Amino acid sequence: MKRLFISMLMVMAVTAIKAQAVYSCEYTSDADVKVYVSDYKSDADLVVYKCDYKSDARGNEGLWYFCKYKSDAKKKIYFTKYKSDAHLVIYFSKYKSDAGWKNKSKQHLMY
């Protein structure tokens, strides 16, 4: 029983590690979250760093890996033209160390 519980915890941990693999949808109806990209870091709910490898996109810390296929992603996002249409406002950073939540009340959107 104890081994089963530990195995289940490990499976859940692996799933959580891959939480920031995202796919950019072409249609808003396909998306889990609508996202607006801000030109200013100060306007963002989340500062995002684009990872080159899926293994680098871990947790819910703003480290995103863009998948080629919808089925590989944990979250499907749609980029909106207008801030008012978005659930989440992000800013893309050039630096991995900048990634993270600025508005933690919206953190549940990417779980």
N, C-alpha and C. Protein backbone atom coordinates (compact mmCIF):
# COMPACT_ATOMS: atom_id res chain seq x y z
N MET A 1 0.82 -1.19 0.00
CA MET A 1 0.00 0.00 0.00
C MET A 1 0.87 1.26 0.00
N LYS A 2 1.93 1.19 0.80
CA LYS A 2 2.85 2.33 0.90
C LYS A 2 3.56 2.56 -0.45
N ARG A 3 3.93 1.49 -1.12
CA ARG A 3 4.59 1.60 -2.43
C ARG A 3 3.65 2.19 -3.47
N LEU A 4 2.39 1.81 -3.43
CA LEU A 4 1.39 2.35 -4.35
C LEU A 4 1.24 3.85 -4.16
N PHE A 5 1.18 4.28 -2.91
CA PHE A 5 1.06 5.70 -2.59
C PHE A 5 2.28 6.47 -3.10
N ILE A 6 3.45 5.96 -2.89
CA ILE A 6 4.69 6.61 -3.34
C ILE A 6 4.73 6.67 -4.87
N SER A 7 4.30 5.60 -5.52
CA SER A 7 4.25 5.58 -6.99
C SER A 7 3.29 6.63 -7.52
N MET A 8 2.14 6.78 -6.88
CA MET A 8 1.17 7.79 -7.30
C MET A 8 1.73 9.19 -7.11
N LEU A 9 2.44 9.43 -6.04
CA LEU A 9 3.06 10.74 -5.81
C LEU A 9 4.10 11.06 -6.89
N MET A 10 4.86 10.05 -7.28
CA MET A 10 5.88 10.25 -8.31
C MET A 10 5.24 10.59 -9.65
N VAL A 11 4.14 9.94 -10.01
CA VAL A 11 3.44 10.21 -11.25
C VAL A 11 2.91 11.65 -11.24
N MET A 12 2.34 12.07 -10.12
CA MET A 12 1.83 13.43 -10.02
C MET A 12 2.96 14.45 -10.11
N ALA A 13 4.10 14.16 -9.54
CA ALA A 13 5.24 15.07 -9.59
C ALA A 13 5.74 15.22 -11.02
N VAL A 14 5.81 14.15 -11.76
CA VAL A 14 6.26 14.20 -13.15
C VAL A 14 5.28 15.02 -13.98
N THR A 15 3.99 14.87 -13.73
CA THR A 15 2.97 15.64 -14.43
C THR A 15 3.12 17.13 -14.13
N ALA A 16 3.37 17.48 -12.89
CA ALA A 16 3.54 18.88 -12.50
C ALA A 16 4.79 19.49 -13.13
N ILE A 17 5.82 18.71 -13.29
CA ILE A 17 7.06 19.21 -13.87
C ILE A 17 6.83 19.67 -15.31
N LYS A 18 5.95 19.01 -16.04
CA LYS A 18 5.72 19.34 -17.44
C LYS A 18 4.60 20.37 -17.63
N ALA A 19 4.21 21.05 -16.58
CA ALA A 19 3.03 21.93 -16.62
C ALA A 19 3.18 23.13 -17.54
N GLN A 20 4.36 23.51 -17.92
CA GLN A 20 4.54 24.71 -18.73
C GLN A 20 4.88 24.42 -20.19
N ALA A 21 4.53 23.25 -20.65
CA ALA A 21 4.61 22.96 -22.08
C ALA A 21 3.33 23.50 -22.69
N VAL A 22 3.46 24.51 -23.56
CA VAL A 22 2.28 25.19 -24.11
C VAL A 22 2.21 25.04 -25.62
N TYR A 23 0.99 25.18 -26.12
CA TYR A 23 0.75 25.15 -27.55
C TYR A 23 -0.04 26.39 -27.91
N SER A 24 0.39 27.10 -28.93
CA SER A 24 -0.29 28.31 -29.38
C SER A 24 -1.37 27.94 -30.39
N CYS A 25 -2.63 28.14 -29.99
CA CYS A 25 -3.78 27.79 -30.83
C CYS A 25 -4.07 28.88 -31.85
N GLU A 26 -4.67 28.45 -32.93
CA GLU A 26 -5.06 29.37 -33.99
C GLU A 26 -6.43 30.00 -33.72
N TYR A 27 -7.25 29.29 -32.94
CA TYR A 27 -8.61 29.75 -32.64
C TYR A 27 -8.82 29.87 -31.14
N THR A 28 -9.51 30.92 -30.74
CA THR A 28 -9.77 31.16 -29.31
C THR A 28 -10.57 30.03 -28.67
N SER A 29 -11.45 29.41 -29.43
CA SER A 29 -12.28 28.32 -28.90
C SER A 29 -11.48 27.07 -28.53
N ASP A 30 -10.29 26.92 -29.09
CA ASP A 30 -9.43 25.76 -28.79
C ASP A 30 -8.57 25.96 -27.55
N ALA A 31 -8.50 27.17 -27.05
CA ALA A 31 -7.55 27.51 -25.99
C ALA A 31 -8.10 27.30 -24.59
N ASP A 32 -7.19 26.97 -23.68
CA ASP A 32 -7.50 26.91 -22.25
C ASP A 32 -7.41 28.32 -21.64
N VAL A 33 -6.44 29.10 -22.13
CA VAL A 33 -6.16 30.43 -21.58
C VAL A 33 -5.91 31.41 -22.72
N LYS A 34 -6.55 32.58 -22.63
CA LYS A 34 -6.30 33.65 -23.60
C LYS A 34 -5.24 34.57 -23.01
N VAL A 35 -4.21 34.86 -23.82
CA VAL A 35 -3.03 35.58 -23.35
C VAL A 35 -2.79 36.83 -24.18
N TYR A 36 -2.41 37.89 -23.51
CA TYR A 36 -2.02 39.14 -24.18
C TYR A 36 -0.55 39.39 -23.86
N VAL A 37 0.23 39.74 -24.88
CA VAL A 37 1.66 40.01 -24.69
C VAL A 37 1.85 41.52 -24.55
N SER A 38 2.37 41.92 -23.41
CA SER A 38 2.60 43.33 -23.12
C SER A 38 4.00 43.74 -23.58
N ASP A 39 4.13 45.01 -23.95
CA ASP A 39 5.44 45.56 -24.30
C ASP A 39 6.23 45.96 -23.06
N TYR A 40 5.53 45.98 -21.93
CA TYR A 40 6.14 46.45 -20.69
C TYR A 40 6.05 45.40 -19.59
N LYS A 41 7.16 45.15 -18.96
CA LYS A 41 7.25 44.17 -17.88
C LYS A 41 6.34 44.56 -16.72
N SER A 42 6.21 45.84 -16.47
CA SER A 42 5.41 46.32 -15.35
C SER A 42 3.91 46.05 -15.51
N ASP A 43 3.44 45.83 -16.73
CA ASP A 43 2.01 45.54 -16.98
C ASP A 43 1.68 44.06 -16.86
N ALA A 44 2.68 43.22 -16.79
CA ALA A 44 2.48 41.77 -16.88
C ALA A 44 2.03 41.14 -15.57
N ASP A 45 1.20 40.10 -15.71
CA ASP A 45 0.86 39.21 -14.59
C ASP A 45 1.95 38.16 -14.42
N LEU A 46 2.56 37.81 -15.56
CA LEU A 46 3.59 36.77 -15.58
C LEU A 46 4.69 37.15 -16.55
N VAL A 47 5.92 37.05 -16.09
CA VAL A 47 7.08 37.24 -16.96
C VAL A 47 7.50 35.86 -17.45
N VAL A 48 7.56 35.70 -18.77
CA VAL A 48 7.80 34.40 -19.39
C VAL A 48 9.15 34.37 -20.08
N TYR A 49 9.84 33.26 -19.91
CA TYR A 49 11.07 32.99 -20.64
C TYR A 49 10.82 31.77 -21.53
N LYS A 50 11.09 31.90 -22.82
CA LYS A 50 10.92 30.78 -23.75
C LYS A 50 12.11 29.84 -23.66
N CYS A 51 11.84 28.60 -23.30
CA CYS A 51 12.88 27.58 -23.18
C CYS A 51 13.11 26.89 -24.52
N ASP A 52 14.34 26.49 -24.74
CA ASP A 52 14.68 25.76 -25.97
C ASP A 52 14.36 24.28 -25.88
N TYR A 53 14.27 23.77 -24.65
CA TYR A 53 14.04 22.34 -24.44
C TYR A 53 12.86 22.14 -23.49
N LYS A 54 12.05 21.13 -23.78
CA LYS A 54 10.88 20.82 -22.96
C LYS A 54 11.26 20.51 -21.52
N SER A 55 12.40 19.90 -21.33
CA SER A 55 12.84 19.54 -19.98
C SER A 55 13.17 20.76 -19.11
N ASP A 56 13.41 21.91 -19.74
CA ASP A 56 13.70 23.13 -18.98
C ASP A 56 12.42 23.82 -18.51
N ALA A 57 11.29 23.50 -19.10
CA ALA A 57 10.01 24.12 -18.76
C ALA A 57 9.38 23.35 -17.62
N ARG A 58 9.65 23.79 -16.42
CA ARG A 58 9.19 23.05 -15.25
C ARG A 58 8.30 23.91 -14.36
N GLY A 59 7.46 23.23 -13.61
CA GLY A 59 6.62 23.90 -12.62
C GLY A 59 5.70 24.95 -13.23
N ASN A 60 5.38 25.93 -12.43
CA ASN A 60 4.53 27.03 -12.84
C ASN A 60 5.27 28.33 -12.54
N GLU A 61 6.45 28.46 -13.15
CA GLU A 61 7.36 29.56 -12.85
C GLU A 61 7.57 30.52 -14.02
N GLY A 62 6.85 30.34 -15.11
CA GLY A 62 7.02 31.22 -16.26
C GLY A 62 8.06 30.73 -17.25
N LEU A 63 8.50 29.51 -17.11
CA LEU A 63 9.44 28.90 -18.06
C LEU A 63 8.61 28.08 -19.03
N TRP A 64 8.42 28.60 -20.23
CA TRP A 64 7.53 27.98 -21.21
C TRP A 64 8.31 27.35 -22.36
N TYR A 65 7.83 26.18 -22.76
CA TYR A 65 8.32 25.53 -23.97
C TYR A 65 7.15 25.43 -24.92
N PHE A 66 7.31 25.95 -26.14
CA PHE A 66 6.24 25.91 -27.13
C PHE A 66 6.32 24.62 -27.94
N CYS A 67 5.29 23.79 -27.78
CA CYS A 67 5.21 22.50 -28.47
C CYS A 67 4.75 22.68 -29.91
N LYS A 68 5.20 21.77 -30.77
CA LYS A 68 4.78 21.77 -32.17
C LYS A 68 3.39 21.16 -32.33
N TYR A 69 3.04 20.28 -31.41
CA TYR A 69 1.77 19.57 -31.50
C TYR A 69 0.91 19.81 -30.27
N LYS A 70 -0.37 20.01 -30.50
CA LYS A 70 -1.32 20.28 -29.42
C LYS A 70 -1.33 19.17 -28.38
N SER A 71 -1.20 17.95 -28.83
CA SER A 71 -1.26 16.80 -27.93
C SER A 71 -0.06 16.72 -26.97
N ASP A 72 1.03 17.38 -27.29
CA ASP A 72 2.22 17.37 -26.43
C ASP A 72 2.14 18.42 -25.31
N ALA A 73 1.23 19.36 -25.43
CA ALA A 73 1.16 20.48 -24.50
C ALA A 73 0.26 20.19 -23.30
N LYS A 74 0.58 20.81 -22.18
CA LYS A 74 -0.26 20.74 -21.00
C LYS A 74 -1.27 21.88 -20.99
N LYS A 75 -0.93 22.99 -21.63
CA LYS A 75 -1.84 24.13 -21.73
C LYS A 75 -1.89 24.63 -23.16
N LYS A 76 -3.11 24.93 -23.62
CA LYS A 76 -3.29 25.51 -24.95
C LYS A 76 -3.62 26.98 -24.75
N ILE A 77 -2.86 27.84 -25.43
CA ILE A 77 -3.07 29.28 -25.25
C ILE A 77 -3.42 29.93 -26.59
N TYR A 78 -4.11 31.05 -26.49
CA TYR A 78 -4.44 31.84 -27.67
C TYR A 78 -3.98 33.26 -27.39
N PHE A 79 -3.21 33.84 -28.32
CA PHE A 79 -2.72 35.20 -28.17
C PHE A 79 -3.77 36.18 -28.70
N THR A 80 -4.24 37.06 -27.84
CA THR A 80 -5.25 38.04 -28.21
C THR A 80 -4.60 39.33 -28.68
N LYS A 81 -5.34 40.12 -29.46
CA LYS A 81 -4.86 41.42 -29.92
C LYS A 81 -5.07 42.50 -28.86
N TYR A 82 -6.07 42.26 -28.00
CA TYR A 82 -6.45 43.28 -27.03
C TYR A 82 -6.31 42.76 -25.60
N LYS A 83 -5.76 43.60 -24.76
CA LYS A 83 -5.54 43.26 -23.35
C LYS A 83 -6.85 42.91 -22.65
N SER A 84 -7.92 43.60 -23.01
CA SER A 84 -9.22 43.39 -22.37
C SER A 84 -9.82 42.01 -22.67
N ASP A 85 -9.37 41.36 -23.72
CA ASP A 85 -9.87 40.03 -24.09
C ASP A 85 -9.11 38.90 -23.38
N ALA A 86 -8.03 39.23 -22.71
CA ALA A 86 -7.13 38.21 -22.16
C ALA A 86 -7.47 37.83 -20.72
N HIS A 87 -7.18 36.57 -20.41
CA HIS A 87 -7.23 36.10 -19.03
C HIS A 87 -5.92 36.45 -18.32
N LEU A 88 -4.84 36.45 -19.10
CA LEU A 88 -3.50 36.58 -18.55
C LEU A 88 -2.66 37.52 -19.41
N VAL A 89 -1.95 38.45 -18.76
CA VAL A 89 -1.06 39.37 -19.45
C VAL A 89 0.37 38.91 -19.17
N ILE A 90 1.13 38.68 -20.25
CA ILE A 90 2.51 38.22 -20.09
C ILE A 90 3.49 39.19 -20.74
N TYR A 91 4.73 39.03 -20.35
CA TYR A 91 5.83 39.77 -20.94
C TYR A 91 6.93 38.75 -21.21
N PHE A 92 7.46 38.73 -22.43
CA PHE A 92 8.54 37.81 -22.76
C PHE A 92 9.88 38.45 -22.41
N SER A 93 10.65 37.76 -21.58
CA SER A 93 11.96 38.24 -21.17
C SER A 93 13.06 37.50 -21.92
N LYS A 94 14.17 38.17 -22.10
CA LYS A 94 15.35 37.55 -22.72
C LYS A 94 16.14 36.73 -21.70
N TYR A 95 15.81 36.93 -20.42
CA TYR A 95 16.60 36.33 -19.34
C TYR A 95 15.76 35.35 -18.51
N LYS A 96 16.29 34.16 -18.32
CA LYS A 96 15.61 33.12 -17.57
C LYS A 96 15.38 33.54 -16.12
N SER A 97 16.30 34.29 -15.57
CA SER A 97 16.19 34.72 -14.18
C SER A 97 15.04 35.70 -13.93
N ASP A 98 14.53 36.34 -14.97
CA ASP A 98 13.41 37.28 -14.82
C ASP A 98 12.05 36.57 -14.74
N ALA A 99 11.99 35.32 -15.15
CA ALA A 99 10.72 34.60 -15.22
C ALA A 99 10.08 34.46 -13.85
N GLY A 100 8.75 34.65 -13.82
CA GLY A 100 8.03 34.45 -12.57
C GLY A 100 6.74 35.24 -12.54
N TRP A 101 5.95 34.96 -11.52
CA TRP A 101 4.64 35.59 -11.36
C TRP A 101 4.78 36.94 -10.69
N LYS A 102 4.09 37.93 -11.24
CA LYS A 102 4.00 39.25 -10.64
C LYS A 102 2.62 39.43 -10.00
N ASN A 103 1.63 38.69 -10.50
CA ASN A 103 0.27 38.70 -9.97
C ASN A 103 -0.11 37.26 -9.63
N LYS A 104 0.16 36.86 -8.42
CA LYS A 104 -0.04 35.46 -8.02
C LYS A 104 -1.51 35.03 -7.98
N SER A 105 -2.43 35.98 -8.03
CA SER A 105 -3.85 35.62 -8.02
C SER A 105 -4.27 34.95 -9.33
N LYS A 106 -3.46 35.05 -10.36
CA LYS A 106 -3.77 34.43 -11.65
C LYS A 106 -2.96 33.15 -11.90
N GLN A 107 -2.22 32.74 -10.91
CA GLN A 107 -1.34 31.58 -11.03
C GLN A 107 -2.13 30.30 -11.35
N HIS A 108 -3.36 30.22 -10.88
CA HIS A 108 -4.18 29.03 -11.12
C HIS A 108 -4.48 28.80 -12.60
N LEU A 109 -4.38 29.82 -13.42
CA LEU A 109 -4.67 29.69 -14.85
C LEU A 109 -3.71 28.74 -15.57
N MET A 110 -2.50 28.61 -15.07
CA MET A 110 -1.51 27.79 -15.75
C MET A 110 -1.28 26.43 -15.07
N TYR A 111 -2.11 26.08 -14.09
CA TYR A 111 -2.00 24.75 -13.48
C TYR A 111 -2.77 23.75 -14.27
